[in-house]
Amino acid sequence: MSAVVPPPTTPKNGLGTAGFVLGLLALLFSFIPIIGLIAWPLGILGLVFGVIGIIRARNGLANNQGMAITGTVLAGIGLVICFAWVGLFGSAVNEAAKQSESAGVAAQQDAVPAADDPAPEVIELGFGQTHTWRGGESVQVAEPKEHQGNPYLHDSGSRAVAVDLTITNGTTDEINPMFWNITATHGGRPAQFSLEDRSFVNAEVQPGGTLTITRIFDVAPEQGDLRISVAPSHYAADTAYFHGDF
């Protein structure tokens, strides 16, 4: 009677092969910034599957030990590269934070005026007078006039005042009053532009030219000190204040 030969067992090469594939993908993706984030899970799985494949091969359950070892090594290299990316990114973030902090400190220091810097000049003028800035621009604010407009466009119990401003361009470049800073207060309270006020768009004033514009404000019905402040820009060093009773 002949002995029964057991059928040969099929090698369990699946995990070793999977470890090789995942390790190879992890290594390839690890070189790509941002997209390389997916190399983390691929490398971890490739490392685990590769180690299991090696163990199976040593126990005679698989015959692809070389592939499992290669996958394990590839996965390990991919993870090392991922760690290197994290270190570089962390260093870049820290350096950017230091530069931002230094810039903030410098900005705060620059914002503090030096002791010898001249204080902005407060220019008080009456209506009908003219002020000229150092850059060459000048403005004359005429006596305010009560504006008789559409009553439905004004709050009840308020008055509308119209103020003519004559701007002369004494510079060598065009200027546009649209960019001038013009505000008003009445009785110590801010006066809002009336709904009838028409903003002046693209009112270019050529060098040597003059332009008269009218601004309309809503003010309180009682008499008070009307102050019109004018500056050729929001960053002008000096602001001219024209005022009088209205």
C-alpha atoms as a PDB file:
ATOM      1  CA  MET A   1       0.000   0.000   0.000  1.00  0.00           C
ATOM      2  CA  SER A   2       1.542   3.292  -1.143  1.00  0.00           C
ATOM      3  CA  ALA A   3       1.712   6.373   1.140  1.00  0.00           C
ATOM      4  CA  VAL A   4      -0.736   9.215   0.516  1.00  0.00           C
ATOM      5  CA  VAL A   5       1.090  12.381  -0.597  1.00  0.00           C
ATOM      6  CA  PRO A   6      -0.685  15.513   0.577  1.00  0.00           C
ATOM      7  CA  PRO A   7      -1.387  18.049  -2.175  1.00  0.00           C
ATOM      8  CA  PRO A   8       1.072  20.949  -2.284  1.00  0.00           C
ATOM      9  CA  THR A   9      -0.091  24.053  -0.431  1.00  0.00           C
ATOM     10  CA  THR A  10      -0.492  27.297  -2.344  1.00  0.00           C
ATOM     11  CA  PRO A  11       2.055  29.925  -1.182  1.00  0.00           C
ATOM     12  CA  LYS A  12       0.473  32.814   0.715  1.00  0.00           C
ATOM     13  CA  ASN A  13       2.248  35.538  -1.194  1.00  0.00           C
ATOM     14  CA  GLY A  14      -0.583  38.071  -1.137  1.00  0.00           C
ATOM     15  CA  LEU A  15       0.559  40.259   1.762  1.00  0.00           C
ATOM     16  CA  GLY A  16       4.185  40.240   0.629  1.00  0.00           C
ATOM     17  CA  THR A  17       3.135  41.316  -2.858  1.00  0.00           C
ATOM     18  CA  ALA A  18       0.782  43.958  -1.450  1.00  0.00           C
ATOM     19  CA  GLY A  19       3.604  45.248   0.758  1.00  0.00           C
ATOM     20  CA  PHE A  20       5.853  45.618  -2.294  1.00  0.00           C
ATOM     21  CA  VAL A  21       3.201  47.483  -4.329  1.00  0.00           C
ATOM     22  CA  LEU A  22       2.262  49.792  -1.448  1.00  0.00           C
ATOM     23  CA  GLY A  23       5.898  50.443  -0.560  1.00  0.00           C
ATOM     24  CA  LEU A  24       6.704  51.352  -4.155  1.00  0.00           C
ATOM     25  CA  LEU A  25       3.715  53.738  -4.366  1.00  0.00           C
ATOM     26  CA  ALA A  26       4.614  55.274  -1.009  1.00  0.00           C
ATOM     27  CA  LEU A  27       8.157  55.973  -2.200  1.00  0.00           C
ATOM     28  CA  LEU A  28       6.984  57.507  -5.469  1.00  0.00           C
ATOM     29  CA  PHE A  29       4.335  59.751  -3.862  1.00  0.00           C
ATOM     30  CA  SER A  30       6.615  60.819  -1.014  1.00  0.00           C
ATOM     31  CA  PHE A  31       8.663  62.970  -3.418  1.00  0.00           C
ATOM     32  CA  ILE A  32       5.623  65.063  -4.411  1.00  0.00           C
ATOM     33  CA  PRO A  33       4.824  68.052  -2.109  1.00  0.00           C
ATOM     34  CA  ILE A  34       1.264  68.184  -0.720  1.00  0.00           C
ATOM     35  CA  ILE A  35       0.140  65.197  -2.820  1.00  0.00           C
ATOM     36  CA  GLY A  36       2.739  63.212  -0.900  1.00  0.00           C
ATOM     37  CA  LEU A  37       0.387  63.244   2.099  1.00  0.00           C
ATOM     38  CA  ILE A  38      -1.143  60.037   0.759  1.00  0.00           C
ATOM     39  CA  ALA A  39       2.304  58.417   1.087  1.00  0.00           C
ATOM     40  CA  TRP A  40       1.792  58.225   4.864  1.00  0.00           C
ATOM     41  CA  PRO A  41      -0.973  55.575   4.871  1.00  0.00           C
ATOM     42  CA  LEU A  42       0.584  53.777   1.885  1.00  0.00           C
ATOM     43  CA  GLY A  43       3.957  53.589   3.621  1.00  0.00           C
ATOM     44  CA  ILE A  44       2.497  52.373   6.924  1.00  0.00           C
ATOM     45  CA  LEU A  45       0.412  49.677   5.226  1.00  0.00           C
ATOM     46  CA  GLY A  46       3.322  48.666   2.984  1.00  0.00           C
ATOM     47  CA  LEU A  47       5.574  48.358   6.013  1.00  0.00           C
ATOM     48  CA  VAL A  48       3.065  46.210   7.911  1.00  0.00           C
ATOM     49  CA  PHE A  49       2.234  43.969   4.952  1.00  0.00           C
ATOM     50  CA  GLY A  50       5.912  43.623   4.043  1.00  0.00           C
ATOM     51  CA  VAL A  51       6.881  42.497   7.550  1.00  0.00           C
ATOM     52  CA  ILE A  52       4.028  39.969   7.608  1.00  0.00           C
ATOM     53  CA  GLY A  53       5.126  38.717   4.173  1.00  0.00           C
ATOM     54  CA  ILE A  54       8.687  38.250   5.451  1.00  0.00           C
ATOM     55  CA  ILE A  55       7.432  36.280   8.477  1.00  0.00           C
ATOM     56  CA  ARG A  56       5.272  34.062   6.253  1.00  0.00           C
ATOM     57  CA  ALA A  57       8.189  33.393   3.915  1.00  0.00           C
ATOM     58  CA  ARG A  58      10.469  32.418   6.813  1.00  0.00           C
ATOM     59  CA  ASN A  59       7.774  30.056   8.128  1.00  0.00           C
ATOM     60  CA  GLY A  60       7.486  28.373   4.731  1.00  0.00           C
ATOM     61  CA  LEU A  61       4.026  29.795   4.030  1.00  0.00           C
ATOM     62  CA  ALA A  62       5.185  32.028   1.178  1.00  0.00           C
ATOM     63  CA  ASN A  63       7.984  32.001  -1.365  1.00  0.00           C
ATOM     64  CA  ASN A  64       8.330  35.720  -2.189  1.00  0.00           C
ATOM     65  CA  GLN A  65      10.562  36.789   0.667  1.00  0.00           C
ATOM     66  CA  GLY A  66      12.666  38.968  -1.613  1.00  0.00           C
ATOM     67  CA  MET A  67       9.632  40.901  -2.797  1.00  0.00           C
ATOM     68  CA  ALA A  68       8.377  41.332   0.770  1.00  0.00           C
ATOM     69  CA  ILE A  69      11.780  42.594   1.936  1.00  0.00           C
ATOM     70  CA  THR A  70      11.953  45.023  -0.994  1.00  0.00           C
ATOM     71  CA  GLY A  71       8.462  46.335  -0.235  1.00  0.00           C
ATOM     72  CA  THR A  72       9.356  46.813   3.417  1.00  0.00           C
ATOM     73  CA  VAL A  73      12.502  48.764   2.520  1.00  0.00           C
ATOM     74  CA  LEU A  74      10.643  50.930  -0.013  1.00  0.00           C
ATOM     75  CA  ALA A  75       7.887  51.701   2.469  1.00  0.00           C
ATOM     76  CA  GLY A  76      10.454  52.603   5.125  1.00  0.00           C
ATOM     77  CA  ILE A  77      12.274  54.970   2.756  1.00  0.00           C
ATOM     78  CA  GLY A  78       8.984  56.583   1.783  1.00  0.00           C
ATOM     79  CA  LEU A  79       8.115  57.214   5.442  1.00  0.00           C
ATOM     80  CA  VAL A  80      11.565  58.688   6.099  1.00  0.00           C
ATOM     81  CA  ILE A  81      11.053  61.120   3.225  1.00  0.00           C
ATOM     82  CA  CYS A  82       7.623  62.031   4.624  1.00  0.00           C
ATOM     83  CA  PHE A  83       9.216  62.784   8.012  1.00  0.00           C
ATOM     84  CA  ALA A  84      11.782  64.962   6.236  1.00  0.00           C
ATOM     85  CA  TRP A  85       8.971  66.935   4.546  1.00  0.00           C
ATOM     86  CA  VAL A  86       7.320  67.499   7.928  1.00  0.00           C
ATOM     87  CA  GLY A  87      10.584  68.813   9.364  1.00  0.00           C
ATOM     88  CA  LEU A  88      11.133  71.183   6.448  1.00  0.00           C
ATOM     89  CA  PHE A  89       7.548  72.434   6.605  1.00  0.00           C
ATOM     90  CA  GLY A  90       7.797  73.005  10.351  1.00  0.00           C
ATOM     91  CA  SER A  91      11.016  74.964   9.938  1.00  0.00           C
ATOM     92  CA  ALA A  92       9.448  77.111   7.202  1.00  0.00           C
ATOM     93  CA  VAL A  93       6.411  77.855   9.379  1.00  0.00           C
ATOM     94  CA  ASN A  94       8.591  78.831  12.334  1.00  0.00           C
ATOM     95  CA  GLU A  95      10.737  81.080  10.150  1.00  0.00           C
ATOM     96  CA  ALA A  96       7.648  82.750   8.685  1.00  0.00           C
ATOM     97  CA  ALA A  97       6.232  83.292  12.167  1.00  0.00           C
ATOM     98  CA  LYS A  98       9.499  84.894  13.309  1.00  0.00           C
ATOM     99  CA  GLN A  99       9.581  87.186  10.274  1.00  0.00           C
ATOM    100  CA  SER A 100       5.924  88.155  10.806  1.00  0.00           C
ATOM    101  CA  GLU A 101       6.585  88.922  14.456  1.00  0.00           C
ATOM    102  CA  SER A 102       9.637  91.001  13.546  1.00  0.00           C
ATOM    103  CA  ALA A 103       7.630  92.876  10.921  1.00  0.00           C
ATOM    104  CA  GLY A 104       4.867  93.552  13.448  1.00  0.00           C
ATOM    105  CA  VAL A 105       7.337  94.934  15.975  1.00  0.00           C
ATOM    106  CA  ALA A 106       8.951  97.094  13.294  1.00  0.00           C
ATOM    107  CA  ALA A 107       5.553  98.385  12.203  1.00  0.00           C
ATOM    108  CA  GLN A 108       4.664  99.291  15.776  1.00  0.00           C
ATOM    109  CA  GLN A 109       7.982 101.085  16.174  1.00  0.00           C
ATOM    110  CA  ASP A 110       7.475 102.953  12.899  1.00  0.00           C
ATOM    111  CA  ALA A 111       3.964 103.941  13.980  1.00  0.00           C
ATOM    112  CA  VAL A 112       5.364 105.820  16.994  1.00  0.00           C
ATOM    113  CA  PRO A 113       6.317 109.291  15.795  1.00  0.00           C
ATOM    114  CA  ALA A 114       9.815 110.478  16.576  1.00  0.00           C
ATOM    115  CA  ALA A 115      10.206 113.207  19.132  1.00  0.00           C
ATOM    116  CA  ASP A 116      11.448 115.666  16.509  1.00  0.00           C
ATOM    117  CA  ASP A 117       8.686 114.958  13.984  1.00  0.00           C
ATOM    118  CA  PRO A 118       6.453 118.006  13.527  1.00  0.00           C
ATOM    119  CA  ALA A 119       2.888 117.603  14.719  1.00  0.00           C
ATOM    120  CA  PRO A 120       0.171 117.941  12.056  1.00  0.00           C
ATOM    121  CA  GLU A 121      -0.817 121.576  11.689  1.00  0.00           C
ATOM    122  CA  VAL A 122      -4.375 122.569  12.574  1.00  0.00           C
ATOM    123  CA  ILE A 123      -5.445 125.222  10.084  1.00  0.00           C
ATOM    124  CA  GLU A 124      -8.454 127.300  11.168  1.00  0.00           C
ATOM    125  CA  LEU A 125     -10.031 129.490   8.510  1.00  0.00           C
ATOM    126  CA  GLY A 126     -13.262 131.362   7.982  1.00  0.00           C
ATOM    127  CA  PHE A 127     -15.624 130.820   5.095  1.00  0.00           C
ATOM    128  CA  GLY A 128     -14.482 132.699   1.997  1.00  0.00           C
ATOM    129  CA  GLN A 129     -10.785 132.248   2.798  1.00  0.00           C
ATOM    130  CA  THR A 130      -8.288 130.171   0.817  1.00  0.00           C
ATOM    131  CA  HIS A 131      -5.713 127.625   1.949  1.00  0.00           C
ATOM    132  CA  THR A 132      -2.786 126.337  -0.133  1.00  0.00           C
ATOM    133  CA  TRP A 133      -0.966 123.124   0.750  1.00  0.00           C
ATOM    134  CA  ARG A 134       2.773 122.644   0.388  1.00  0.00           C
ATOM    135  CA  GLY A 135       2.176 120.472  -2.665  1.00  0.00           C
ATOM    136  CA  GLY A 136       0.549 123.371  -4.513  1.00  0.00           C
ATOM    137  CA  GLU A 137      -3.145 122.477  -4.223  1.00  0.00           C
ATOM    138  CA  SER A 138      -5.431 125.168  -2.860  1.00  0.00           C
ATOM    139  CA  VAL A 139      -9.092 125.405  -1.893  1.00  0.00           C
ATOM    140  CA  GLN A 140     -11.513 128.187  -1.086  1.00  0.00           C
ATOM    141  CA  VAL A 141     -14.727 127.352   0.777  1.00  0.00           C
ATOM    142  CA  ALA A 142     -17.523 129.861   0.168  1.00  0.00           C
ATOM    143  CA  GLU A 143     -20.137 130.961   2.664  1.00  0.00           C
ATOM    144  CA  PRO A 144     -22.624 128.111   3.190  1.00  0.00           C
ATOM    145  CA  LYS A 145     -26.114 128.482   1.762  1.00  0.00           C
ATOM    146  CA  GLU A 146     -29.337 126.807   2.814  1.00  0.00           C
ATOM    147  CA  HIS A 147     -30.267 124.263   0.191  1.00  0.00           C
ATOM    148  CA  GLN A 148     -33.883 124.261  -0.919  1.00  0.00           C
ATOM    149  CA  GLY A 149     -34.181 120.861  -2.508  1.00  0.00           C
ATOM    150  CA  ASN A 150     -36.528 117.925  -2.470  1.00  0.00           C
ATOM    151  CA  PRO A 151     -38.064 117.790   1.038  1.00  0.00           C
ATOM    152  CA  TYR A 152     -38.667 114.065   0.693  1.00  0.00           C
ATOM    153  CA  LEU A 153     -34.909 113.462   0.539  1.00  0.00           C
ATOM    154  CA  HIS A 154     -34.238 115.054   3.936  1.00  0.00           C
ATOM    155  CA  ASP A 155     -35.014 113.942   7.451  1.00  0.00           C
ATOM    156  CA  SER A 156     -37.810 115.840   9.109  1.00  0.00           C
ATOM    157  CA  GLY A 157     -36.506 118.510  11.438  1.00  0.00           C
ATOM    158  CA  SER A 158     -33.216 118.944   9.597  1.00  0.00           C
ATOM    159  CA  ARG A 159     -31.792 121.502   7.199  1.00  0.00           C
ATOM    160  CA  ALA A 160     -29.695 121.018   4.104  1.00  0.00           C
ATOM    161  CA  VAL A 161     -26.644 123.192   3.608  1.00  0.00           C
ATOM    162  CA  ALA A 162     -24.800 123.622   0.309  1.00  0.00           C
ATOM    163  CA  VAL A 163     -21.123 124.526   0.340  1.00  0.00           C
ATOM    164  CA  ASP A 164     -19.148 125.538  -2.749  1.00  0.00           C
ATOM    165  CA  LEU A 165     -15.484 124.535  -2.811  1.00  0.00           C
ATOM    166  CA  THR A 166     -13.208 126.077  -5.430  1.00  0.00           C
ATOM    167  CA  ILE A 167     -10.138 123.934  -6.010  1.00  0.00           C
ATOM    168  CA  THR A 168      -7.090 125.255  -7.833  1.00  0.00           C
ATOM    169  CA  ASN A 169      -4.380 122.934  -9.107  1.00  0.00           C
ATOM    170  CA  GLY A 170      -1.017 124.546  -8.479  1.00  0.00           C
ATOM    171  CA  THR A 171       0.885 121.306  -9.023  1.00  0.00           C
ATOM    172  CA  THR A 172       2.482 119.913 -12.162  1.00  0.00           C
ATOM    173  CA  ASP A 173       0.150 116.909 -12.317  1.00  0.00           C
ATOM    174  CA  GLU A 174      -3.566 116.353 -12.772  1.00  0.00           C
ATOM    175  CA  ILE A 175      -5.605 116.129  -9.564  1.00  0.00           C
ATOM    176  CA  ASN A 176      -9.051 114.667  -8.993  1.00  0.00           C
ATOM    177  CA  PRO A 177     -11.189 116.033  -6.120  1.00  0.00           C
ATOM    178  CA  MET A 178     -12.906 112.664  -5.985  1.00  0.00           C
ATOM    179  CA  PHE A 179      -9.995 111.513  -3.854  1.00  0.00           C
ATOM    180  CA  TRP A 180     -10.053 114.510  -1.514  1.00  0.00           C
ATOM    181  CA  ASN A 181     -11.183 114.069   2.062  1.00  0.00           C
ATOM    182  CA  ILE A 182     -14.115 116.443   2.695  1.00  0.00           C
ATOM    183  CA  THR A 183     -16.208 116.146   5.859  1.00  0.00           C
ATOM    184  CA  ALA A 184     -18.429 118.385   7.969  1.00  0.00           C
ATOM    185  CA  THR A 185     -19.605 118.832  11.554  1.00  0.00           C
ATOM    186  CA  HIS A 186     -22.409 121.013  12.877  1.00  0.00           C
ATOM    187  CA  GLY A 187     -22.738 121.928  16.500  1.00  0.00           C
ATOM    188  CA  GLY A 188     -19.940 119.500  17.327  1.00  0.00           C
ATOM    189  CA  ARG A 189     -21.714 116.550  15.692  1.00  0.00           C
ATOM    190  CA  PRO A 190     -20.816 114.858  12.381  1.00  0.00           C
ATOM    191  CA  ALA A 191     -22.949 116.045   9.463  1.00  0.00           C
ATOM    192  CA  GLN A 192     -23.920 113.438   6.899  1.00  0.00           C
ATOM    193  CA  PHE A 193     -23.914 113.996   3.164  1.00  0.00           C
ATOM    194  CA  SER A 194     -27.426 114.687   1.904  1.00  0.00           C
ATOM    195  CA  LEU A 195     -29.159 112.289  -0.437  1.00  0.00           C
ATOM    196  CA  GLU A 196     -29.119 115.155  -2.907  1.00  0.00           C
ATOM    197  CA  ASP A 197     -25.362 115.400  -2.774  1.00  0.00           C
ATOM    198  CA  ARG A 198     -23.837 114.407  -6.092  1.00  0.00           C
ATOM    199  CA  SER A 199     -20.400 112.881  -5.954  1.00  0.00           C
ATOM    200  CA  PHE A 200     -18.042 114.212  -8.627  1.00  0.00           C
ATOM    201  CA  VAL A 201     -16.518 111.450 -10.703  1.00  0.00           C
ATOM    202  CA  ASN A 202     -13.502 111.877 -12.989  1.00  0.00           C
ATOM    203  CA  ALA A 203     -13.406 115.626 -12.364  1.00  0.00           C
ATOM    204  CA  GLU A 204      -9.810 115.984 -13.472  1.00  0.00           C
ATOM    205  CA  VAL A 205      -8.237 119.379 -12.824  1.00  0.00           C
ATOM    206  CA  GLN A 206      -5.311 120.144 -15.096  1.00  0.00           C
ATOM    207  CA  PRO A 207      -2.199 121.958 -13.777  1.00  0.00           C
ATOM    208  CA  GLY A 208      -3.117 125.595 -13.362  1.00  0.00           C
ATOM    209  CA  GLY A 209      -6.828 124.804 -13.667  1.00  0.00           C
ATOM    210  CA  THR A 210      -9.694 125.584 -11.296  1.00  0.00           C
ATOM    211  CA  LEU A 211     -12.856 123.648 -10.496  1.00  0.00           C
ATOM    212  CA  THR A 212     -15.816 124.527  -8.267  1.00  0.00           C
ATOM    213  CA  ILE A 213     -17.777 121.693  -6.715  1.00  0.00           C
ATOM    214  CA  THR A 214     -20.778 121.743  -4.386  1.00  0.00           C
ATOM    215  CA  ARG A 215     -21.267 119.421  -1.443  1.00  0.00           C
ATOM    216  CA  ILE A 216     -24.600 119.183   0.399  1.00  0.00           C
ATOM    217  CA  PHE A 217     -24.906 118.163   4.056  1.00  0.00           C
ATOM    218  CA  ASP A 218     -27.853 117.568   6.382  1.00  0.00           C
ATOM    219  CA  VAL A 219     -27.522 119.587   9.606  1.00  0.00           C
ATOM    220  CA  ALA A 220     -29.607 120.299  12.687  1.00  0.00           C
ATOM    221  CA  PRO A 221     -32.366 122.927  12.432  1.00  0.00           C
ATOM    222  CA  GLU A 222     -30.912 125.103  15.184  1.00  0.00           C
ATOM    223  CA  GLN A 223     -28.028 127.493  14.677  1.00  0.00           C
ATOM    224  CA  GLY A 224     -24.590 126.027  15.279  1.00  0.00           C
ATOM    225  CA  ASP A 225     -20.922 126.113  14.305  1.00  0.00           C
ATOM    226  CA  LEU A 226     -20.540 124.567  10.858  1.00  0.00           C
ATOM    227  CA  ARG A 227     -17.031 123.196  10.208  1.00  0.00           C
ATOM    228  CA  ILE A 228     -15.927 121.938   6.804  1.00  0.00           C
ATOM    229  CA  SER A 229     -12.662 119.992   6.845  1.00  0.00           C
ATOM    230  CA  VAL A 230     -10.717 119.631   3.592  1.00  0.00           C
ATOM    231  CA  ALA A 231      -7.566 117.656   2.808  1.00  0.00           C
ATOM    232  CA  PRO A 232      -6.204 116.729  -0.655  1.00  0.00           C
ATOM    233  CA  SER A 233      -5.980 113.083   0.453  1.00  0.00           C
ATOM    234  CA  HIS A 234      -6.597 110.856   3.465  1.00  0.00           C
ATOM    235  CA  TYR A 235      -2.841 110.896   4.105  1.00  0.00           C
ATOM    236  CA  ALA A 236      -2.283 114.651   3.931  1.00  0.00           C
ATOM    237  CA  ALA A 237      -0.193 116.026   6.777  1.00  0.00           C
ATOM    238  CA  ASP A 238      -2.416 119.116   7.187  1.00  0.00           C
ATOM    239  CA  THR A 239      -6.186 119.536   7.144  1.00  0.00           C
ATOM    240  CA  ALA A 240      -7.850 122.895   6.630  1.00  0.00           C
ATOM    241  CA  TYR A 241     -10.948 123.653   8.741  1.00  0.00           C
ATOM    242  CA  PHE A 242     -13.354 126.297   7.433  1.00  0.00           C
ATOM    243  CA  HIS A 243     -16.023 127.278   9.941  1.00  0.00           C
ATOM    244  CA  GLY A 244     -18.660 129.765  10.876  1.00  0.00           C
ATOM    245  CA  ASP A 245     -22.202 129.969  12.204  1.00  0.00           C
ATOM    246  CA  PHE A 246     -24.995 128.453  10.186  1.00  0.00           C
END
